């Protein structure tokens, strides 16, 4: 005999925070992209062109994240009975590909081209002014992402949070904004050395550094979102709460095995084989399962789809 429940009504906090961070990053990147292209038009700096394309790619990435979040809210259908939550993981993976193809590879090409055909910069003051504005805007965006991540991070280091978070939007925005600030630093260094030495090779080196940085970020994001797409289990803390809630029910002797998988950041599939009293009648076992499901929902602040399979405690 098995029992299942419909999807619960409780939601994990932090989804709106991810959306706020994405919108803040989108607005910042749109403004920064325009200013970078203006600086490139006046200076001819390949680093500024690469940074402009980087900001356009980032803006497109934020749009992808918003689309993924919207599509993930579609209700379940007979074809997709567990809903469309994985759309958030799919679009985050597309973001990683976009950073790699549009941002990283283009910057590497521009840097290689500038190394082979170096030119002097024209009106470098434009570049310095735009870089200053861009650093301020990207810092504001990163500050927003950091603030929105404080609750879900729960004492983890930033690297642990990026690797373990089930909400891809915050991880994407954090890495994008950090990469943007580092890329601006590379561009500033390359343009400064080019201005001092009158040697356009430094501008090309700065552009290559931007490209390698973007590819590194894309690879890291790709690995993390791939893991989420395949299907990740709940955290050890959440699994411990589920087990504790199950064994707290008097009719359950122990949890024989537990399997969980995130269908979305706020949606969790829970399956478990539980040992019950072999002498209990069917109706009593059904009540035990219903009560155990309620305990799990109270213990786990997520939308849960639960399937419990009762079995005899043969070890006992």
Protein backbone atom coordinates (compact mmCIF):
# COMPACT_ATOMS: atom_id res chain seq x y z
CA UNK A 1 0.00 0.00 0.00
CA UNK A 2 1.31 3.49 -0.84
CA UNK A 3 0.06 6.96 -0.09
CA UNK A 4 0.74 10.20 -1.92
CA UNK A 5 -0.18 13.81 -1.49
CA UNK A 6 -0.82 16.73 -3.73
CA UNK A 7 1.70 19.52 -3.85
CA UNK A 8 1.68 21.49 -0.65
CA UNK A 9 0.96 25.17 -0.23
CA UNK A 10 4.03 26.31 1.66
CA UNK A 11 6.90 27.90 -0.23
CA UNK A 12 10.53 28.43 0.58
CA UNK A 13 11.43 32.03 1.15
CA UNK A 14 13.88 33.78 -1.12
CA UNK A 15 12.29 33.40 -4.57
CA UNK A 16 11.28 37.04 -4.66
CA UNK A 17 14.77 37.94 -3.51
CA UNK A 18 16.22 36.12 -6.52
CA UNK A 19 13.89 38.06 -8.81
CA UNK A 20 14.89 41.37 -7.20
CA UNK A 21 18.57 40.58 -7.73
CA UNK A 22 17.95 39.62 -11.37
CA UNK A 23 16.01 42.82 -12.13
CA UNK A 24 18.67 44.97 -10.42
CA UNK A 25 21.39 43.27 -12.49
CA UNK A 26 19.38 43.73 -15.70
CA UNK A 27 18.94 47.47 -15.16
CA UNK A 28 22.60 47.92 -14.26
CA UNK A 29 23.84 45.94 -17.27
CA UNK A 30 21.65 47.81 -19.74
CA UNK A 31 23.04 51.15 -18.56
CA UNK A 32 26.60 49.85 -18.47
CA UNK A 33 26.37 48.31 -21.96
CA UNK A 34 25.35 51.60 -23.56
CA UNK A 35 28.14 53.52 -21.85
CA UNK A 36 30.77 50.91 -22.81
CA UNK A 37 29.82 51.02 -26.48
CA UNK A 38 30.01 54.79 -26.40
CA UNK A 39 33.50 54.57 -24.90
CA UNK A 40 34.53 52.01 -27.54
CA UNK A 41 33.29 54.29 -30.33
CA UNK A 42 35.45 57.16 -29.03
CA UNK A 43 38.55 55.17 -28.02
CA UNK A 44 38.70 52.11 -30.28
CA UNK A 45 39.62 49.98 -27.25
CA UNK A 46 39.07 46.25 -27.80
CA UNK A 47 38.73 45.85 -24.04
CA UNK A 48 35.81 48.29 -24.03
CA UNK A 49 34.22 46.47 -26.98
CA UNK A 50 34.60 43.13 -25.21
CA UNK A 51 33.15 44.61 -22.04
CA UNK A 52 30.24 46.07 -24.02
CA UNK A 53 29.44 42.67 -25.52
CA UNK A 54 29.86 41.17 -22.03
CA UNK A 55 27.22 43.54 -20.64
CA UNK A 56 24.84 42.82 -23.53
CA UNK A 57 25.27 39.09 -22.91
CA UNK A 58 24.63 39.61 -19.19
CA UNK A 59 21.47 41.60 -19.97
CA UNK A 60 20.25 38.78 -22.18
CA UNK A 61 21.06 36.35 -19.39
CA UNK A 62 18.89 38.21 -16.93
CA UNK A 63 16.03 38.17 -19.44
CA UNK A 64 16.49 34.39 -19.78
CA UNK A 65 16.33 33.97 -16.00
CA UNK A 66 13.12 36.00 -15.82
CA UNK A 67 11.57 33.95 -18.63
CA UNK A 68 12.59 30.72 -16.91
CA UNK A 69 11.07 31.89 -13.64
CA UNK A 70 7.83 32.81 -15.37
CA UNK A 71 7.53 29.51 -17.24
CA UNK A 72 8.29 27.55 -14.08
CA UNK A 73 5.05 28.89 -12.56
CA UNK A 74 2.85 27.03 -15.06
CA UNK A 75 0.54 24.54 -13.31
CA UNK A 76 1.06 20.78 -13.67
CA UNK A 77 -0.42 19.04 -16.71
CA UNK A 78 -1.07 15.36 -17.54
CA UNK A 79 2.11 15.41 -19.64
CA UNK A 80 4.13 17.11 -16.88
CA UNK A 81 2.42 16.01 -13.64
CA UNK A 82 5.16 17.42 -11.41
CA UNK A 83 4.96 20.88 -12.96
CA UNK A 84 7.46 23.02 -14.86
CA UNK A 85 9.85 23.97 -12.07
CA UNK A 86 12.93 22.59 -13.93
CA UNK A 87 12.56 25.47 -16.40
CA UNK A 88 14.52 27.56 -13.88
CA UNK A 89 17.43 25.13 -14.10
CA UNK A 90 17.22 24.87 -17.89
CA UNK A 91 17.37 28.62 -18.43
CA UNK A 92 20.23 28.98 -15.96
CA UNK A 93 22.14 26.40 -18.02
CA UNK A 94 21.41 28.44 -21.17
CA UNK A 95 22.87 31.45 -19.36
CA UNK A 96 26.12 29.56 -18.81
CA UNK A 97 26.29 28.74 -22.52
CA UNK A 98 25.61 32.36 -23.42
CA UNK A 99 28.42 33.62 -21.20
CA UNK A 100 30.80 31.10 -22.77
CA UNK A 101 29.86 31.62 -26.42
CA UNK A 102 28.91 35.29 -26.61
CA UNK A 103 31.07 36.79 -23.88
CA UNK A 104 34.13 34.59 -23.45
CA UNK A 105 34.88 33.49 -27.01
CA UNK A 106 34.21 36.95 -28.46
CA UNK A 107 36.59 38.55 -25.94
CA UNK A 108 39.29 35.99 -26.76
CA UNK A 109 38.91 36.71 -30.46
CA UNK A 110 39.08 40.48 -29.93
CA UNK A 111 42.13 40.12 -27.69
CA UNK A 112 43.92 37.91 -30.20
CA UNK A 113 43.10 40.37 -32.99
CA UNK A 114 44.40 43.32 -30.95
CA UNK A 115 47.65 41.53 -30.14
CA UNK A 116 48.32 40.99 -33.84
CA UNK A 117 47.17 44.49 -34.88
CA UNK A 118 47.77 46.82 -31.90
CA UNK A 119 46.58 50.41 -32.23
CA UNK A 120 46.80 53.48 -30.01
CA UNK A 121 43.78 54.56 -28.03
CA UNK A 122 41.91 57.72 -28.92
CA UNK A 123 40.40 59.86 -26.14
CA UNK A 124 41.19 57.45 -23.30
CA UNK A 125 39.41 59.81 -20.89
CA UNK A 126 36.14 58.45 -22.25
CA UNK A 127 37.17 54.95 -21.32
CA UNK A 128 38.23 55.92 -17.80
CA UNK A 129 34.98 57.82 -17.21
CA UNK A 130 32.80 54.96 -18.44
CA UNK A 131 34.74 52.39 -16.44
CA UNK A 132 34.23 54.47 -13.30
CA UNK A 133 30.48 54.65 -13.88
CA UNK A 134 30.32 50.95 -14.73
CA UNK A 135 32.17 49.96 -11.56
CA UNK A 136 29.69 51.95 -9.47
CA UNK A 137 26.64 50.40 -11.18
CA UNK A 138 28.01 46.85 -11.01
CA UNK A 139 28.89 47.34 -7.35
CA UNK A 140 25.31 48.37 -6.61
CA UNK A 141 24.03 45.29 -8.46
CA UNK A 142 26.45 43.00 -6.59
CA UNK A 143 25.45 44.58 -3.28
CA UNK A 144 21.79 43.83 -4.06
CA UNK A 145 22.60 40.20 -4.90
CA UNK A 146 24.65 39.82 -1.71
CA UNK A 147 21.86 41.30 0.40
CA UNK A 148 19.23 39.03 -1.15
CA UNK A 149 21.48 35.99 -0.61
CA UNK A 150 22.08 36.52 3.09
CA UNK A 151 18.94 34.68 4.19
CA UNK A 152 19.28 31.60 1.95
CA UNK A 153 23.05 31.41 2.57
CA UNK A 154 22.55 30.51 6.27
CA UNK A 155 26.16 30.82 7.41
CA UNK A 156 27.74 29.04 4.45
CA UNK A 157 30.79 30.47 2.74
CA UNK A 158 30.05 32.15 -0.57
CA UNK A 159 31.66 29.30 -2.51
CA UNK A 160 29.59 26.74 -0.59
CA UNK A 161 26.43 28.75 -1.21
CA UNK A 162 27.05 28.95 -4.96
CA UNK A 163 27.79 25.22 -5.14
CA UNK A 164 24.88 24.08 -2.95
CA UNK A 165 22.07 26.55 -3.56
CA UNK A 166 19.01 25.16 -5.30
CA UNK A 167 18.04 28.65 -6.58
CA UNK A 168 20.18 29.22 -9.70
CA UNK A 169 19.20 32.88 -10.14
CA UNK A 170 21.16 34.11 -7.13
CA UNK A 171 24.24 32.06 -8.05
CA UNK A 172 24.14 33.36 -11.62
CA UNK A 173 23.79 37.01 -10.61
CA UNK A 174 26.50 36.75 -7.95
CA UNK A 175 29.00 35.24 -10.37
CA UNK A 176 28.01 37.59 -13.19
CA UNK A 177 28.41 40.70 -11.06
CA UNK A 178 31.69 39.49 -9.58
CA UNK A 179 32.94 38.63 -13.07
CA UNK A 180 31.82 42.03 -14.33
CA UNK A 181 33.78 43.86 -11.63
CA UNK A 182 36.89 41.76 -12.25
CA UNK A 183 36.50 42.27 -16.00
CA UNK A 184 36.25 46.02 -15.50
CA UNK A 185 39.44 45.83 -13.46
CA UNK A 186 41.21 44.00 -16.31
CA UNK A 187 39.92 46.57 -18.80
CA UNK A 188 41.03 49.46 -16.58
CA UNK A 189 44.50 47.96 -16.17
CA UNK A 190 44.88 47.28 -19.89
CA UNK A 191 43.74 50.76 -20.92
CA UNK A 192 45.93 52.41 -18.27
CA UNK A 193 49.06 50.55 -19.45
CA UNK A 194 48.19 51.26 -23.08
CA UNK A 195 47.83 54.97 -22.32
CA UNK A 196 51.12 55.09 -20.40
CA UNK A 197 53.19 53.09 -22.90
CA UNK A 198 51.38 53.97 -26.15
CA UNK A 199 51.39 50.25 -26.85
CA UNK A 200 48.04 48.72 -27.82
CA UNK A 201 49.28 45.23 -26.91
CA UNK A 202 48.30 45.88 -23.29
CA UNK A 203 44.72 46.55 -24.38
CA UNK A 204 44.74 43.18 -26.13
CA UNK A 205 46.13 41.43 -23.06
CA UNK A 206 43.40 42.97 -20.92
CA UNK A 207 40.80 41.74 -23.42
CA UNK A 208 42.23 38.20 -23.32
CA UNK A 209 42.06 38.25 -19.53
CA UNK A 210 38.38 39.23 -19.73
CA UNK A 211 37.70 36.34 -22.11
CA UNK A 212 39.42 33.75 -19.91
CA UNK A 213 37.56 35.07 -16.86
CA UNK A 214 34.19 34.75 -18.58
CA UNK A 215 34.92 31.22 -19.77
CA UNK A 216 35.94 30.20 -16.24
CA UNK A 217 32.67 31.59 -14.85
CA UNK A 218 30.67 29.91 -17.62
CA UNK A 219 32.27 26.53 -16.91
CA UNK A 220 31.56 26.84 -13.18
CA UNK A 221 27.93 27.83 -13.76
CA UNK A 222 27.51 25.10 -16.34
CA UNK A 223 28.71 22.41 -13.94
CA UNK A 224 26.40 23.59 -11.15
CA UNK A 225 23.28 24.00 -13.30
CA UNK A 226 23.95 20.65 -15.00
CA UNK A 227 23.84 18.99 -11.61
CA UNK A 228 20.52 20.67 -10.85
CA UNK A 229 19.10 19.63 -14.22
CA UNK A 230 20.01 15.99 -13.60
CA UNK A 231 18.27 16.17 -10.22
CA UNK A 232 19.78 17.00 -6.84
CA UNK A 233 18.69 15.63 -3.48
CA UNK A 234 17.60 17.86 -0.63
CA UNK A 235 20.33 19.10 1.67
CA UNK A 236 21.45 16.91 4.55
CA UNK A 237 19.71 19.27 6.96
CA UNK A 238 16.38 18.96 5.15
CA UNK A 239 16.70 15.17 4.90
CA UNK A 240 17.39 14.99 8.63
CA UNK A 241 14.23 17.02 9.34
CA UNK A 242 12.17 14.73 7.09
CA UNK A 243 13.48 11.62 8.84
CA UNK A 244 12.86 13.11 12.28
CA UNK A 245 9.31 14.06 11.31
CA UNK A 246 8.59 10.55 10.04
CA UNK A 247 9.91 8.65 13.05
CA UNK A 248 8.09 11.07 15.37
CA UNK A 249 4.82 9.48 14.25
CA UNK A 250 3.99 6.70 16.79
CA UNK A 251 2.99 4.15 14.15
CA UNK A 252 6.35 4.34 12.33
CA UNK A 253 9.20 2.29 13.74
CA UNK A 254 11.95 3.63 11.49
CA UNK A 255 12.74 4.93 7.98
CA UNK A 256 14.11 2.06 5.90
CA UNK A 257 15.28 4.37 3.11
CA UNK A 258 14.61 7.93 1.97
CA UNK A 259 14.97 9.45 -1.50
CA UNK A 260 14.48 13.14 -2.32
CA UNK A 261 14.88 15.24 -5.45
CA UNK A 262 14.39 18.95 -6.11
CA UNK A 263 11.89 19.52 -8.92
CA UNK A 264 12.54 23.25 -8.52
CA UNK A 265 14.23 25.38 -5.85
CA UNK A 266 10.99 25.44 -3.82
CA UNK A 267 9.55 22.06 -4.89
CA UNK A 268 10.69 18.75 -3.41
CA UNK A 269 9.79 15.17 -4.31
CA UNK A 270 9.98 12.89 -1.26
CA UNK A 271 9.77 9.10 -1.42
CA UNK A 272 10.39 6.84 1.56
CA UNK A 273 9.93 3.26 2.65
CA UNK A 274 8.84 3.22 6.28
CA UNK A 275 8.65 0.35 8.75
CA UNK A 276 5.22 0.09 10.41
CA UNK A 277 3.68 -2.25 12.96
CA UNK A 278 2.91 -5.49 11.17
CA UNK A 279 -0.16 -6.12 13.32
CA UNK A 280 -1.85 -2.78 12.55
CA UNK A 281 -4.93 -2.95 10.28
CA UNK A 282 -4.88 -1.20 6.90
CA UNK A 283 -6.98 1.76 8.09
CA UNK A 284 -4.61 2.41 10.98
CA UNK A 285 -1.59 2.32 8.66
CA UNK A 286 -3.31 4.78 6.29
CA UNK A 287 -3.93 7.18 9.19
CA UNK A 288 -0.29 6.80 10.23
CA UNK A 289 0.86 7.75 6.74
CA UNK A 290 -1.47 10.77 6.60
CA UNK A 291 -0.22 11.98 9.97
CA UNK A 292 3.40 11.45 8.91
CA UNK A 293 2.87 13.52 5.76
CA UNK A 294 1.47 16.38 7.83
CA UNK A 295 4.51 16.23 10.11
CA UNK A 296 6.85 16.41 7.10
CA UNK A 297 5.03 19.44 5.70
CA UNK A 298 5.33 21.21 9.03
CA UNK A 299 9.04 20.41 9.24
CA UNK A 300 10.01 21.32 5.65
CA UNK A 301 9.29 24.81 4.34
CA UNK A 302 8.92 23.66 0.73
CA UNK A 303 6.19 22.53 -1.65
CA UNK A 304 6.32 18.78 -1.15
CA UNK A 305 5.03 15.88 -3.20
CA UNK A 306 5.24 12.87 -0.87
CA UNK A 307 5.01 9.14 -1.53
CA UNK A 308 5.34 6.81 1.49
CA UNK A 309 5.53 3.04 1.14
CA UNK A 310 4.79 1.04 4.33
CA UNK A 311 6.68 -2.15 4.96
CA UNK A 312 7.22 -4.66 7.77
CA UNK A 313 10.19 -4.04 10.04
CA UNK A 314 11.92 -7.33 9.27
CA UNK A 315 15.08 -6.34 11.13
CA UNK A 316 13.05 -6.08 14.32
